[in-house]
Amino acid sequence: MNATVAVILALTVGTYAFRLVGPALHGRVELPARVQELLSAGAVVLLAALLATGALTESGGFAGWARPAGVLVGGVLAWRRAPFAVVVLAAAGTAAVLRALGVG
């Protein structure tokens, strides 16, 4: 077994264990309100970091202006509660048009 398969199996077992522990400990462990607030804030920060990394970088460098513009258009449409298909098509279309115009 190579290292990649071993890592995938370890992550699979770890993910399953986390999913199993949640319902098993649901009524037994009480977290303080402050810890719950910090966990919620941490989730938001993590999602924002993932969004920024995906929207702004490619191969360790700046991805160009077309991708962030597409993400911005998609984000605004999602915030305005547009249908998912419209959000995706508008974001992709914005990025495609900007790239076709040479904005990159």
N, C-alpha and C. Protein backbone atom coordinates (compact mmCIF):
# COMPACT_ATOMS: atom_id res chain seq x y z
N MET A 1 0.86 -1.17 0.00
CA MET A 1 0.00 0.00 0.00
C MET A 1 0.90 1.23 0.00
N ASN A 2 0.62 2.15 -0.91
CA ASN A 2 1.46 3.35 -0.95
C ASN A 2 0.97 4.39 0.06
N ALA A 3 1.74 5.45 0.21
CA ALA A 3 1.46 6.46 1.24
C ALA A 3 0.15 7.19 0.99
N THR A 4 -0.19 7.42 -0.27
CA THR A 4 -1.43 8.15 -0.59
C THR A 4 -2.65 7.37 -0.12
N VAL A 5 -2.66 6.08 -0.38
CA VAL A 5 -3.80 5.25 0.05
C VAL A 5 -3.87 5.20 1.57
N ALA A 6 -2.72 5.13 2.23
CA ALA A 6 -2.71 5.11 3.69
C ALA A 6 -3.27 6.41 4.27
N VAL A 7 -2.90 7.54 3.67
CA VAL A 7 -3.41 8.83 4.15
C VAL A 7 -4.91 8.93 3.91
N ILE A 8 -5.37 8.48 2.76
CA ILE A 8 -6.81 8.52 2.47
C ILE A 8 -7.58 7.64 3.46
N LEU A 9 -7.06 6.46 3.74
CA LEU A 9 -7.73 5.59 4.71
C LEU A 9 -7.74 6.20 6.11
N ALA A 10 -6.62 6.80 6.51
CA ALA A 10 -6.57 7.44 7.83
C ALA A 10 -7.56 8.59 7.93
N LEU A 11 -7.65 9.41 6.89
CA LEU A 11 -8.61 10.52 6.90
C LEU A 11 -10.04 10.00 6.89
N THR A 12 -10.28 8.90 6.19
CA THR A 12 -11.62 8.30 6.16
C THR A 12 -12.02 7.84 7.55
N VAL A 13 -11.13 7.12 8.23
CA VAL A 13 -11.43 6.63 9.57
C VAL A 13 -11.61 7.81 10.53
N GLY A 14 -10.76 8.82 10.44
CA GLY A 14 -10.89 9.99 11.31
C GLY A 14 -12.20 10.73 11.10
N THR A 15 -12.58 10.92 9.83
CA THR A 15 -13.84 11.60 9.53
C THR A 15 -15.02 10.81 10.07
N TYR A 16 -15.01 9.51 9.87
CA TYR A 16 -16.11 8.68 10.37
C TYR A 16 -16.17 8.74 11.90
N ALA A 17 -15.00 8.72 12.55
CA ALA A 17 -14.98 8.80 14.01
C ALA A 17 -15.57 10.11 14.51
N PHE A 18 -15.21 11.22 13.86
CA PHE A 18 -15.80 12.52 14.24
C PHE A 18 -17.31 12.52 14.07
N ARG A 19 -17.78 11.95 12.97
CA ARG A 19 -19.22 11.92 12.72
C ARG A 19 -19.94 11.02 13.72
N LEU A 20 -19.27 9.98 14.18
CA LEU A 20 -19.87 9.06 15.14
C LEU A 20 -19.89 9.63 16.56
N VAL A 21 -18.86 10.38 16.92
CA VAL A 21 -18.74 10.93 18.27
C VAL A 21 -19.79 12.02 18.51
N GLY A 22 -20.15 12.78 17.50
CA GLY A 22 -21.13 13.86 17.67
C GLY A 22 -22.44 13.38 18.27
N PRO A 23 -23.15 12.46 17.60
CA PRO A 23 -24.41 11.97 18.19
C PRO A 23 -24.22 11.20 19.49
N ALA A 24 -23.09 10.51 19.63
CA ALA A 24 -22.87 9.72 20.84
C ALA A 24 -22.71 10.61 22.08
N LEU A 25 -22.10 11.77 21.92
CA LEU A 25 -21.86 12.67 23.05
C LEU A 25 -22.84 13.83 23.13
N HIS A 26 -23.86 13.83 22.29
CA HIS A 26 -24.74 14.99 22.16
C HIS A 26 -25.31 15.47 23.50
N GLY A 27 -25.87 14.63 24.30
CA GLY A 27 -26.48 15.08 25.54
C GLY A 27 -25.56 15.02 26.74
N ARG A 28 -24.35 14.48 26.57
CA ARG A 28 -23.46 14.24 27.69
C ARG A 28 -22.45 15.34 27.93
N VAL A 29 -22.10 16.08 26.90
CA VAL A 29 -21.08 17.11 27.03
C VAL A 29 -21.72 18.47 26.79
N GLU A 30 -21.55 19.37 27.73
CA GLU A 30 -22.11 20.72 27.61
C GLU A 30 -20.95 21.71 27.48
N LEU A 31 -20.91 22.41 26.37
CA LEU A 31 -19.87 23.41 26.15
C LEU A 31 -20.34 24.76 26.68
N PRO A 32 -19.45 25.51 27.29
CA PRO A 32 -19.82 26.86 27.74
C PRO A 32 -20.23 27.74 26.55
N ALA A 33 -21.03 28.73 26.83
CA ALA A 33 -21.52 29.62 25.77
C ALA A 33 -20.38 30.29 25.02
N ARG A 34 -19.34 30.69 25.73
CA ARG A 34 -18.19 31.36 25.09
C ARG A 34 -17.49 30.42 24.10
N VAL A 35 -17.35 29.15 24.46
CA VAL A 35 -16.73 28.18 23.55
C VAL A 35 -17.60 27.99 22.32
N GLN A 36 -18.90 27.93 22.50
CA GLN A 36 -19.80 27.80 21.35
C GLN A 36 -19.69 29.00 20.42
N GLU A 37 -19.59 30.20 20.98
CA GLU A 37 -19.42 31.40 20.16
C GLU A 37 -18.10 31.35 19.38
N LEU A 38 -17.03 30.93 20.06
CA LEU A 38 -15.73 30.85 19.39
C LEU A 38 -15.72 29.79 18.29
N LEU A 39 -16.40 28.68 18.51
CA LEU A 39 -16.48 27.65 17.47
C LEU A 39 -17.26 28.16 16.26
N SER A 40 -18.33 28.89 16.49
CA SER A 40 -19.09 29.46 15.38
C SER A 40 -18.26 30.48 14.61
N ALA A 41 -17.55 31.34 15.34
CA ALA A 41 -16.70 32.33 14.68
C ALA A 41 -15.56 31.63 13.93
N GLY A 42 -15.02 30.58 14.49
CA GLY A 42 -13.95 29.84 13.82
C GLY A 42 -14.42 29.22 12.51
N ALA A 43 -15.65 28.72 12.49
CA ALA A 43 -16.19 28.14 11.26
C ALA A 43 -16.34 29.21 10.18
N VAL A 44 -16.79 30.39 10.56
CA VAL A 44 -16.94 31.48 9.60
C VAL A 44 -15.58 31.91 9.06
N VAL A 45 -14.60 32.03 9.94
CA VAL A 45 -13.25 32.43 9.52
C VAL A 45 -12.66 31.38 8.58
N LEU A 46 -12.84 30.11 8.89
CA LEU A 46 -12.32 29.05 8.04
C LEU A 46 -12.96 29.09 6.65
N LEU A 47 -14.27 29.27 6.59
CA LEU A 47 -14.94 29.35 5.30
C LEU A 47 -14.49 30.58 4.51
N ALA A 48 -14.31 31.70 5.18
CA ALA A 48 -13.83 32.91 4.51
C ALA A 48 -12.42 32.71 3.96
N ALA A 49 -11.57 32.04 4.73
CA ALA A 49 -10.20 31.78 4.27
C ALA A 49 -10.20 30.86 3.06
N LEU A 50 -11.04 29.84 3.09
CA LEU A 50 -11.13 28.94 1.93
C LEU A 50 -11.65 29.67 0.70
N LEU A 51 -12.63 30.53 0.89
CA LEU A 51 -13.17 31.30 -0.22
C LEU A 51 -12.10 32.23 -0.79
N ALA A 52 -11.39 32.92 0.07
CA ALA A 52 -10.35 33.85 -0.40
C ALA A 52 -9.23 33.11 -1.13
N THR A 53 -8.82 31.97 -0.59
CA THR A 53 -7.76 31.20 -1.23
C THR A 53 -8.20 30.70 -2.60
N GLY A 54 -9.41 30.18 -2.68
CA GLY A 54 -9.91 29.67 -3.96
C GLY A 54 -10.18 30.77 -4.97
N ALA A 55 -10.60 31.92 -4.49
CA ALA A 55 -10.97 32.99 -5.41
C ALA A 55 -9.79 33.82 -5.87
N LEU A 56 -8.76 33.91 -5.07
CA LEU A 56 -7.68 34.85 -5.38
C LEU A 56 -6.38 34.21 -5.82
N THR A 57 -6.18 32.92 -5.57
CA THR A 57 -4.88 32.33 -5.89
C THR A 57 -5.01 31.16 -6.85
N GLU A 58 -3.93 30.96 -7.58
CA GLU A 58 -3.81 29.80 -8.48
C GLU A 58 -2.33 29.46 -8.57
N SER A 59 -1.97 28.25 -8.23
CA SER A 59 -0.59 27.78 -8.26
C SER A 59 0.33 28.67 -7.42
N GLY A 60 -0.15 29.12 -6.30
CA GLY A 60 0.66 29.91 -5.39
C GLY A 60 0.77 31.38 -5.72
N GLY A 61 0.11 31.83 -6.77
CA GLY A 61 0.17 33.25 -7.14
C GLY A 61 -1.23 33.81 -7.34
N PHE A 62 -1.27 35.09 -7.68
CA PHE A 62 -2.55 35.76 -7.91
C PHE A 62 -3.23 35.17 -9.15
N ALA A 63 -4.51 34.90 -9.07
CA ALA A 63 -5.26 34.25 -10.15
C ALA A 63 -5.69 35.21 -11.24
N GLY A 64 -5.51 36.49 -11.07
CA GLY A 64 -6.01 37.46 -12.03
C GLY A 64 -7.32 38.04 -11.56
N TRP A 65 -7.83 39.01 -12.29
CA TRP A 65 -9.02 39.73 -11.84
C TRP A 65 -10.32 39.07 -12.26
N ALA A 66 -10.30 38.19 -13.25
CA ALA A 66 -11.54 37.58 -13.74
C ALA A 66 -12.18 36.68 -12.69
N ARG A 67 -11.38 35.87 -12.04
CA ARG A 67 -11.94 34.94 -11.04
C ARG A 67 -12.54 35.68 -9.85
N PRO A 68 -11.84 36.63 -9.22
CA PRO A 68 -12.49 37.34 -8.10
C PRO A 68 -13.75 38.09 -8.53
N ALA A 69 -13.76 38.62 -9.74
CA ALA A 69 -14.96 39.31 -10.22
C ALA A 69 -16.12 38.32 -10.36
N GLY A 70 -15.84 37.13 -10.89
CA GLY A 70 -16.87 36.11 -10.99
C GLY A 70 -17.39 35.68 -9.63
N VAL A 71 -16.49 35.51 -8.68
CA VAL A 71 -16.90 35.15 -7.32
C VAL A 71 -17.74 36.26 -6.70
N LEU A 72 -17.36 37.51 -6.94
CA LEU A 72 -18.13 38.64 -6.41
C LEU A 72 -19.54 38.65 -7.00
N VAL A 73 -19.65 38.46 -8.31
CA VAL A 73 -20.98 38.44 -8.95
C VAL A 73 -21.81 37.29 -8.38
N GLY A 74 -21.19 36.10 -8.27
CA GLY A 74 -21.91 34.97 -7.69
C GLY A 74 -22.33 35.20 -6.26
N GLY A 75 -21.44 35.83 -5.48
CA GLY A 75 -21.76 36.12 -4.08
C GLY A 75 -22.92 37.09 -3.94
N VAL A 76 -22.92 38.12 -4.76
CA VAL A 76 -24.02 39.10 -4.71
C VAL A 76 -25.34 38.44 -5.10
N LEU A 77 -25.31 37.63 -6.15
CA LEU A 77 -26.54 36.96 -6.57
C LEU A 77 -27.02 35.96 -5.51
N ALA A 78 -26.09 35.25 -4.88
CA ALA A 78 -26.49 34.32 -3.82
C ALA A 78 -27.07 35.09 -2.63
N TRP A 79 -26.46 36.22 -2.31
CA TRP A 79 -26.96 37.06 -1.21
C TRP A 79 -28.37 37.57 -1.52
N ARG A 80 -28.62 37.85 -2.80
CA ARG A 80 -29.95 38.31 -3.22
C ARG A 80 -30.92 37.15 -3.44
N ARG A 81 -30.46 35.93 -3.10
CA ARG A 81 -31.27 34.71 -3.16
C ARG A 81 -31.70 34.34 -4.58
N ALA A 82 -30.80 34.51 -5.52
CA ALA A 82 -31.05 34.05 -6.89
C ALA A 82 -30.97 32.53 -6.92
N PRO A 83 -31.62 31.89 -7.87
CA PRO A 83 -31.52 30.44 -7.98
C PRO A 83 -30.06 30.00 -8.20
N PHE A 84 -29.73 28.81 -7.70
CA PHE A 84 -28.36 28.32 -7.74
C PHE A 84 -27.80 28.29 -9.16
N ALA A 85 -28.60 27.83 -10.10
CA ALA A 85 -28.12 27.76 -11.49
C ALA A 85 -27.78 29.15 -12.02
N VAL A 86 -28.56 30.14 -11.68
CA VAL A 86 -28.30 31.51 -12.12
C VAL A 86 -27.00 32.02 -11.49
N VAL A 87 -26.79 31.71 -10.22
CA VAL A 87 -25.57 32.14 -9.53
C VAL A 87 -24.34 31.55 -10.23
N VAL A 88 -24.37 30.25 -10.47
CA VAL A 88 -23.22 29.58 -11.08
C VAL A 88 -22.98 30.08 -12.50
N LEU A 89 -24.03 30.16 -13.30
CA LEU A 89 -23.87 30.61 -14.69
C LEU A 89 -23.41 32.06 -14.77
N ALA A 90 -23.92 32.91 -13.91
CA ALA A 90 -23.50 34.32 -13.93
C ALA A 90 -22.06 34.47 -13.50
N ALA A 91 -21.64 33.74 -12.48
CA ALA A 91 -20.25 33.81 -12.03
C ALA A 91 -19.31 33.30 -13.10
N ALA A 92 -19.63 32.16 -13.69
CA ALA A 92 -18.79 31.60 -14.75
C ALA A 92 -18.79 32.50 -15.98
N GLY A 93 -19.95 33.03 -16.32
CA GLY A 93 -20.04 33.93 -17.47
C GLY A 93 -19.24 35.20 -17.28
N THR A 94 -19.30 35.75 -16.09
CA THR A 94 -18.52 36.96 -15.79
C THR A 94 -17.03 36.70 -15.96
N ALA A 95 -16.56 35.60 -15.39
CA ALA A 95 -15.14 35.27 -15.50
C ALA A 95 -14.76 35.01 -16.95
N ALA A 96 -15.62 34.32 -17.68
CA ALA A 96 -15.32 34.01 -19.08
C ALA A 96 -15.27 35.26 -19.95
N VAL A 97 -16.21 36.16 -19.75
CA VAL A 97 -16.23 37.39 -20.54
C VAL A 97 -15.00 38.25 -20.22
N LEU A 98 -14.65 38.36 -18.96
CA LEU A 98 -13.47 39.14 -18.60
C LEU A 98 -12.19 38.52 -19.17
N ARG A 99 -12.11 37.20 -19.15
CA ARG A 99 -10.92 36.55 -19.74
C ARG A 99 -10.90 36.75 -21.24
N ALA A 100 -12.07 36.68 -21.89
CA ALA A 100 -12.12 36.89 -23.34
C ALA A 100 -11.71 38.32 -23.72
N LEU A 101 -11.98 39.26 -22.82
CA LEU A 101 -11.60 40.64 -23.05
C LEU A 101 -10.13 40.92 -22.69
N GLY A 102 -9.47 39.89 -22.17
CA GLY A 102 -8.06 40.02 -21.84
C GLY A 102 -7.77 40.54 -20.46
N VAL A 103 -8.80 40.61 -19.60
CA VAL A 103 -8.59 41.08 -18.25
C VAL A 103 -7.84 40.04 -17.43
N GLY A 104 -8.05 38.77 -17.71
CA GLY A 104 -7.30 37.70 -17.06
C GLY A 104 -7.88 37.33 -15.81
